Amino acid sequence: MHSTVTPFTLHRWQEGRRPERLNGWRGVSPEFGEITLVAPVPRTLPEVVVSEIRGGLLPPAVYESRGIHAENLTLPTLNRATLRVADRIVPMSRNRMGATLNQRALSLRHAGDTYRLSALDKRGYVLSRAADAEDPGVTITVRESGRGKGRKLTVRAAGRAEGGDLSLALIFAGVDRSALTRFGAVRAGVRRATELWAEANA
C-alpha cells in the first residue's frame, strides 16, 4: 500500500562486544514503524560481508558482497553484490565509466518497477522510482549528518511510497556507495585493478 511518508530520522547505534557487536542505524517512521539497519552483520565467513534492514511494516532487505575482496571490507560495496528484498533478488547495473553523477547512478528493478540510486555527495543519496501509468513515482532522499555517536540519517520522501521503496532506499545506508561519486569512482577503479591482480596471482 502506498502512503505519504512523514520525514523521519535514524540514529547511529551500537551494542554488544566484539566479535558479535552490532552496529548500524535505528529509528521510527510514523507510517512504517520501528526500523533497524545492521551494517554490517557479524561475519560468519571471511569472504562475505552483509548489511540487513528489518522492522515495522518494511519487507526485510539483505545486501551482501562476496569474494576475496570482501575480507577487508567494513561494509559491502557495489561490486560483486547481491540485493534481496523479501524473497526477491533485485537486479542491479551501473555504468562504471560514467563521467557524471547521473551517468554513474545505479539502476535497479524490483516488483516490476524501475529505480535509480544516485549520489548527492559522499554523505547523501537519492532513490527514485520511475512513474508509470498507474503511479507518479516517488523520490526518497537520505542524508547523513553529525559526527561520532551523534550521527543521524534524515529520510524524506516526495510522493507516496510503499514499504519496498523504503527498504530499497535505506539498505544503501549500509553500503559503501563511494563508487557513485566522481572521486570514489577513481578509487574504486584502482582498487578493482588491485583485486583482480591479487586474484590472478593467488
C-alpha atoms as a PDB file:
ATOM      1  CA  MET A   1       0.000   0.000   0.000  1.00  0.00           C
ATOM      2  CA  HIS A   2       1.352   3.409  -0.982  1.00  0.00           C
ATOM      3  CA  SER A   3       1.468   6.072   1.718  1.00  0.00           C
ATOM      4  CA  THR A   4       2.636   9.601   2.259  1.00  0.00           C
ATOM      5  CA  VAL A   5       5.799   9.358   4.373  1.00  0.00           C
ATOM      6  CA  THR A   6       6.427  11.811   7.193  1.00  0.00           C
ATOM      7  CA  PRO A   7      10.128  12.780   7.327  1.00  0.00           C
ATOM      8  CA  PHE A   8      11.932  10.748   9.988  1.00  0.00           C
ATOM      9  CA  THR A   9      15.389  10.203  11.426  1.00  0.00           C
ATOM     10  CA  LEU A  10      17.520   7.138  12.096  1.00  0.00           C
ATOM     11  CA  HIS A  11      20.238   7.443  14.736  1.00  0.00           C
ATOM     12  CA  ARG A  12      23.585   5.676  14.893  1.00  0.00           C
ATOM     13  CA  TRP A  13      23.624   2.791  17.385  1.00  0.00           C
ATOM     14  CA  GLN A  14      25.956   0.109  18.639  1.00  0.00           C
ATOM     15  CA  GLU A  15      25.565  -2.706  21.132  1.00  0.00           C
ATOM     16  CA  GLY A  16      27.374  -5.808  22.330  1.00  0.00           C
ATOM     17  CA  ARG A  17      31.046  -6.716  22.294  1.00  0.00           C
ATOM     18  CA  ARG A  18      33.323  -7.963  19.556  1.00  0.00           C
ATOM     19  CA  PRO A  19      33.116 -10.191  17.602  1.00  0.00           C
ATOM     20  CA  GLU A  20      29.293 -10.168  17.954  1.00  0.00           C
ATOM     21  CA  ARG A  21      28.963  -6.382  18.212  1.00  0.00           C
ATOM     22  CA  LEU A  22      26.059  -4.883  16.270  1.00  0.00           C
ATOM     23  CA  ASN A  23      26.362  -1.527  14.502  1.00  0.00           C
ATOM     24  CA  GLY A  24      24.028   0.438  12.321  1.00  0.00           C
ATOM     25  CA  TRP A  25      21.066   2.803  12.350  1.00  0.00           C
ATOM     26  CA  ARG A  26      17.795   2.720  14.255  1.00  0.00           C
ATOM     27  CA  GLY A  27      14.702   4.880  14.352  1.00  0.00           C
ATOM     28  CA  VAL A  28      10.938   5.086  13.865  1.00  0.00           C
ATOM     29  CA  SER A  29       8.846   6.011  10.845  1.00  0.00           C
ATOM     30  CA  PRO A  30       5.348   7.200  11.844  1.00  0.00           C
ATOM     31  CA  GLU A  31       3.849   5.237   8.949  1.00  0.00           C
ATOM     32  CA  PHE A  32       6.077   2.131   8.865  1.00  0.00           C
ATOM     33  CA  GLY A  33       7.130   1.643  12.485  1.00  0.00           C
ATOM     34  CA  GLU A  34      10.495   0.876  14.101  1.00  0.00           C
ATOM     35  CA  ILE A  35      13.343   0.343  11.647  1.00  0.00           C
ATOM     36  CA  THR A  36      16.723  -1.267  12.341  1.00  0.00           C
ATOM     37  CA  LEU A  37      19.607  -1.382   9.882  1.00  0.00           C
ATOM     38  CA  VAL A  38      22.521  -3.630  10.900  1.00  0.00           C
ATOM     39  CA  ALA A  39      25.644  -2.644   8.966  1.00  0.00           C
ATOM     40  CA  PRO A  40      27.493  -4.919   8.894  1.00  0.00           C
ATOM     41  CA  VAL A  41      26.011  -8.111  10.294  1.00  0.00           C
ATOM     42  CA  PRO A  42      28.626 -10.007  12.400  1.00  0.00           C
ATOM     43  CA  ARG A  43      30.640 -12.158   9.987  1.00  0.00           C
ATOM     44  CA  THR A  44      30.254 -15.897   9.732  1.00  0.00           C
ATOM     45  CA  LEU A  45      32.529 -16.264   6.662  1.00  0.00           C
ATOM     46  CA  PRO A  46      35.659 -14.192   5.940  1.00  0.00           C
ATOM     47  CA  GLU A  47      34.792 -13.555   2.283  1.00  0.00           C
ATOM     48  CA  VAL A  48      31.224 -12.369   2.892  1.00  0.00           C
ATOM     49  CA  VAL A  49      30.097  -9.001   4.268  1.00  0.00           C
ATOM     50  CA  VAL A  50      26.385  -8.316   4.782  1.00  0.00           C
ATOM     51  CA  SER A  51      24.073  -5.487   5.776  1.00  0.00           C
ATOM     52  CA  GLU A  52      20.382  -6.004   6.504  1.00  0.00           C
ATOM     53  CA  ILE A  53      17.313  -3.971   7.358  1.00  0.00           C
ATOM     54  CA  ARG A  54      14.256  -5.132   9.259  1.00  0.00           C
ATOM     55  CA  GLY A  55      11.364  -3.847  11.293  1.00  0.00           C
ATOM     56  CA  GLY A  56       7.882  -2.452  11.277  1.00  0.00           C
ATOM     57  CA  LEU A  57       5.963  -2.775   8.026  1.00  0.00           C
ATOM     58  CA  LEU A  58       9.075  -2.894   5.853  1.00  0.00           C
ATOM     59  CA  PRO A  59       9.918  -6.063   3.921  1.00  0.00           C
ATOM     60  CA  PRO A  60      13.357  -7.272   5.062  1.00  0.00           C
ATOM     61  CA  ALA A  61      16.261  -6.397   2.781  1.00  0.00           C
ATOM     62  CA  VAL A  62      19.694  -8.053   2.703  1.00  0.00           C
ATOM     63  CA  TYR A  63      22.694  -6.730   0.765  1.00  0.00           C
ATOM     64  CA  GLU A  64      25.883  -8.774   0.536  1.00  0.00           C
ATOM     65  CA  SER A  65      29.268  -8.694  -1.167  1.00  0.00           C
ATOM     66  CA  ARG A  66      31.156 -11.952  -1.723  1.00  0.00           C
ATOM     67  CA  GLY A  67      34.693 -12.711  -2.807  1.00  0.00           C
ATOM     68  CA  ILE A  68      38.281 -12.352  -1.729  1.00  0.00           C
ATOM     69  CA  HIS A  69      37.884  -8.565  -1.894  1.00  0.00           C
ATOM     70  CA  ALA A  70      35.303  -8.717   0.926  1.00  0.00           C
ATOM     71  CA  GLU A  71      37.805  -9.910   3.561  1.00  0.00           C
ATOM     72  CA  ASN A  72      38.975  -6.379   4.357  1.00  0.00           C
ATOM     73  CA  LEU A  73      35.704  -4.535   3.837  1.00  0.00           C
ATOM     74  CA  THR A  74      33.826  -2.833   6.666  1.00  0.00           C
ATOM     75  CA  LEU A  75      30.668  -2.527   4.516  1.00  0.00           C
ATOM     76  CA  PRO A  76      29.505  -4.321   1.379  1.00  0.00           C
ATOM     77  CA  THR A  77      30.269  -2.469  -1.859  1.00  0.00           C
ATOM     78  CA  LEU A  78      28.616  -2.108  -5.253  1.00  0.00           C
ATOM     79  CA  ASN A  79      30.963  -4.735  -6.720  1.00  0.00           C
ATOM     80  CA  ARG A  80      30.019  -8.428  -6.809  1.00  0.00           C
ATOM     81  CA  ALA A  81      26.956  -7.752  -4.731  1.00  0.00           C
ATOM     82  CA  THR A  82      23.533  -9.348  -4.306  1.00  0.00           C
ATOM     83  CA  LEU A  83      20.474  -7.494  -3.039  1.00  0.00           C
ATOM     84  CA  ARG A  84      17.318  -9.217  -1.841  1.00  0.00           C
ATOM     85  CA  VAL A  85      14.077  -7.615  -0.720  1.00  0.00           C
ATOM     86  CA  ALA A  86      11.866 -10.189   0.996  1.00  0.00           C
ATOM     87  CA  ASP A  87      12.409 -13.290  -1.175  1.00  0.00           C
ATOM     88  CA  ARG A  88      13.174 -11.445  -4.399  1.00  0.00           C
ATOM     89  CA  ILE A  89      16.586 -10.768  -5.885  1.00  0.00           C
ATOM     90  CA  VAL A  90      16.851  -7.185  -7.111  1.00  0.00           C
ATOM     91  CA  PRO A  91      18.887  -6.914 -10.345  1.00  0.00           C
ATOM     92  CA  MET A  92      21.389  -4.029 -10.281  1.00  0.00           C
ATOM     93  CA  SER A  93      23.511  -2.429 -13.001  1.00  0.00           C
ATOM     94  CA  ARG A  94      25.582   0.733 -13.471  1.00  0.00           C
ATOM     95  CA  ASN A  95      27.927   2.451 -15.865  1.00  0.00           C
ATOM     96  CA  ARG A  96      31.296   2.294 -14.120  1.00  0.00           C
ATOM     97  CA  MET A  97      32.822   4.631 -16.711  1.00  0.00           C
ATOM     98  CA  GLY A  98      30.160   7.337 -16.357  1.00  0.00           C
ATOM     99  CA  ALA A  99      31.545  10.869 -16.134  1.00  0.00           C
ATOM    100  CA  THR A 100      28.690  12.462 -14.157  1.00  0.00           C
ATOM    101  CA  LEU A 101      26.739  11.550 -11.023  1.00  0.00           C
ATOM    102  CA  ASN A 102      23.701  10.809 -13.183  1.00  0.00           C
ATOM    103  CA  GLN A 103      25.676   8.575 -15.551  1.00  0.00           C
ATOM    104  CA  ARG A 104      27.137   6.616 -12.630  1.00  0.00           C
ATOM    105  CA  ALA A 105      23.739   6.069 -10.982  1.00  0.00           C
ATOM    106  CA  LEU A 106      22.772   2.525 -10.033  1.00  0.00           C
ATOM    107  CA  SER A 107      19.758   1.060 -11.866  1.00  0.00           C
ATOM    108  CA  LEU A 108      17.533  -1.413 -10.016  1.00  0.00           C
ATOM    109  CA  ARG A 109      14.484  -3.468 -10.869  1.00  0.00           C
ATOM    110  CA  HIS A 110      12.082  -4.635  -8.159  1.00  0.00           C
ATOM    111  CA  ALA A 111       8.493  -5.914  -8.253  1.00  0.00           C
ATOM    112  CA  GLY A 112       8.062  -4.693 -11.818  1.00  0.00           C
ATOM    113  CA  ASP A 113       9.262  -1.174 -11.026  1.00  0.00           C
ATOM    114  CA  THR A 114      12.411   0.606 -12.190  1.00  0.00           C
ATOM    115  CA  TYR A 115      14.585   2.544  -9.730  1.00  0.00           C
ATOM    116  CA  ARG A 116      17.680   4.733  -9.870  1.00  0.00           C
ATOM    117  CA  LEU A 117      20.059   5.337  -6.974  1.00  0.00           C
ATOM    118  CA  SER A 118      22.294   8.376  -7.401  1.00  0.00           C
ATOM    119  CA  ALA A 119      24.739  10.135  -5.095  1.00  0.00           C
ATOM    120  CA  LEU A 120      24.248  13.712  -3.954  1.00  0.00           C
ATOM    121  CA  ASP A 121      27.716  13.643  -2.414  1.00  0.00           C
ATOM    122  CA  LYS A 122      29.574  11.256  -0.114  1.00  0.00           C
ATOM    123  CA  ARG A 123      27.010  11.715   2.686  1.00  0.00           C
ATOM    124  CA  GLY A 124      23.752  11.762   0.784  1.00  0.00           C
ATOM    125  CA  TYR A 125      21.894   9.927  -1.951  1.00  0.00           C
ATOM    126  CA  VAL A 126      18.529   9.714  -3.702  1.00  0.00           C
ATOM    127  CA  LEU A 127      16.472   6.676  -4.715  1.00  0.00           C
ATOM    128  CA  SER A 128      13.814   7.342  -7.361  1.00  0.00           C
ATOM    129  CA  ARG A 129      11.053   5.004  -8.534  1.00  0.00           C
ATOM    130  CA  ALA A 130      10.037   5.780 -12.111  1.00  0.00           C
ATOM    131  CA  ALA A 131       6.486   6.885 -12.818  1.00  0.00           C
ATOM    132  CA  ASP A 132       4.139   4.625 -14.756  1.00  0.00           C
ATOM    133  CA  ALA A 133       0.552   4.719 -15.984  1.00  0.00           C
ATOM    134  CA  GLU A 134      -0.820   3.989 -12.501  1.00  0.00           C
ATOM    135  CA  ASP A 135       1.548   5.870 -10.199  1.00  0.00           C
ATOM    136  CA  PRO A 136       3.546   9.123 -10.417  1.00  0.00           C
ATOM    137  CA  GLY A 137       6.583   7.550  -8.751  1.00  0.00           C
ATOM    138  CA  VAL A 138       8.469   8.538  -5.619  1.00  0.00           C
ATOM    139  CA  THR A 139      11.816  10.070  -4.684  1.00  0.00           C
ATOM    140  CA  ILE A 140      13.438   9.225  -1.338  1.00  0.00           C
ATOM    141  CA  THR A 141      16.348  11.335  -0.134  1.00  0.00           C
ATOM    142  CA  VAL A 142      18.658  10.025   2.600  1.00  0.00           C
ATOM    143  CA  ARG A 143      21.298  12.306   4.105  1.00  0.00           C
ATOM    144  CA  GLU A 144      23.791  11.672   6.910  1.00  0.00           C
ATOM    145  CA  SER A 145      24.794  14.435   9.302  1.00  0.00           C
ATOM    146  CA  GLY A 146      26.628  14.794  12.608  1.00  0.00           C
ATOM    147  CA  ARG A 147      29.743  13.123  13.944  1.00  0.00           C
ATOM    148  CA  GLY A 148      30.596  10.164  16.167  1.00  0.00           C
ATOM    149  CA  LYS A 149      27.726   8.973  18.350  1.00  0.00           C
ATOM    150  CA  GLY A 150      25.663  11.967  17.217  1.00  0.00           C
ATOM    151  CA  ARG A 151      25.464  10.810  13.598  1.00  0.00           C
ATOM    152  CA  LYS A 152      21.992  10.527  12.112  1.00  0.00           C
ATOM    153  CA  LEU A 153      20.199   9.842   8.846  1.00  0.00           C
ATOM    154  CA  THR A 154      17.395  12.125   7.733  1.00  0.00           C
ATOM    155  CA  VAL A 155      14.884  10.448   5.414  1.00  0.00           C
ATOM    156  CA  ARG A 156      12.451  12.412   3.226  1.00  0.00           C
ATOM    157  CA  ALA A 157      10.078  11.123   0.550  1.00  0.00           C
ATOM    158  CA  ALA A 158       8.441  13.114  -2.239  1.00  0.00           C
ATOM    159  CA  GLY A 159       5.407  11.183  -3.436  1.00  0.00           C
ATOM    160  CA  ARG A 160       3.609   8.180  -1.995  1.00  0.00           C
ATOM    161  CA  ALA A 161       5.887   5.291  -1.008  1.00  0.00           C
ATOM    162  CA  GLU A 162       5.400   1.654  -0.083  1.00  0.00           C
ATOM    163  CA  GLY A 163       7.462  -0.484   2.251  1.00  0.00           C
ATOM    164  CA  GLY A 164       9.597  -1.898  -0.553  1.00  0.00           C
ATOM    165  CA  ASP A 165      10.589   1.601  -1.634  1.00  0.00           C
ATOM    166  CA  LEU A 166      11.854   2.433   1.843  1.00  0.00           C
ATOM    167  CA  SER A 167      13.647  -0.901   2.255  1.00  0.00           C
ATOM    168  CA  LEU A 168      15.481  -0.313  -1.021  1.00  0.00           C
ATOM    169  CA  ALA A 169      16.385   3.242  -0.088  1.00  0.00           C
ATOM    170  CA  LEU A 170      17.544   2.559   3.457  1.00  0.00           C
ATOM    171  CA  ILE A 171      19.605  -0.580   2.827  1.00  0.00           C
ATOM    172  CA  PHE A 172      22.070   1.588   0.906  1.00  0.00           C
ATOM    173  CA  ALA A 173      22.875   3.471   4.124  1.00  0.00           C
ATOM    174  CA  GLY A 174      24.656   0.212   4.996  1.00  0.00           C
ATOM    175  CA  VAL A 175      26.578   0.022   1.704  1.00  0.00           C
ATOM    176  CA  ASP A 176      29.810   1.680   0.572  1.00  0.00           C
ATOM    177  CA  ARG A 177      28.344   3.918  -2.151  1.00  0.00           C
ATOM    178  CA  SER A 178      31.563   5.819  -2.868  1.00  0.00           C
ATOM    179  CA  ALA A 179      31.816   4.434  -6.418  1.00  0.00           C
ATOM    180  CA  LEU A 180      28.786   6.557  -7.324  1.00  0.00           C
ATOM    181  CA  THR A 181      30.785   9.752  -6.714  1.00  0.00           C
ATOM    182  CA  ARG A 182      33.474  11.097  -9.016  1.00  0.00           C
ATOM    183  CA  PHE A 183      36.382  10.712  -6.593  1.00  0.00           C
ATOM    184  CA  GLY A 184      35.078   7.397  -5.319  1.00  0.00           C
ATOM    185  CA  ALA A 185      34.823   6.019  -8.855  1.00  0.00           C
ATOM    186  CA  VAL A 186      38.523   6.675  -9.414  1.00  0.00           C
ATOM    187  CA  ARG A 187      39.433   4.993  -6.141  1.00  0.00           C
ATOM    188  CA  ALA A 188      37.154   2.045  -6.928  1.00  0.00           C
ATOM    189  CA  GLY A 189      38.823   1.583 -10.311  1.00  0.00           C
ATOM    190  CA  VAL A 190      42.265   1.422  -8.722  1.00  0.00           C
ATOM    191  CA  ARG A 191      41.029  -0.954  -6.028  1.00  0.00           C
ATOM    192  CA  ARG A 192      39.330  -3.202  -8.577  1.00  0.00           C
ATOM    193  CA  ALA A 193      42.515  -3.456 -10.636  1.00  0.00           C
ATOM    194  CA  THR A 194      44.454  -4.381  -7.474  1.00  0.00           C
ATOM    195  CA  GLU A 195      41.887  -7.030  -6.525  1.00  0.00           C
ATOM    196  CA  LEU A 196      41.981  -8.613  -9.984  1.00  0.00           C
ATOM    197  CA  TRP A 197      45.757  -8.755  -9.834  1.00  0.00           C
ATOM    198  CA  ALA A 198      45.633 -10.349  -6.384  1.00  0.00           C
ATOM    199  CA  GLU A 199      43.130 -12.983  -7.505  1.00  0.00           C
ATOM    200  CA  ALA A 200      45.144 -13.778 -10.623  1.00  0.00           C
ATOM    201  CA  ASN A 201      48.250 -14.357  -8.502  1.00  0.00           C
ATOM    202  CA  ALA A 202      46.580 -16.150  -5.589  1.00  0.00           C
END
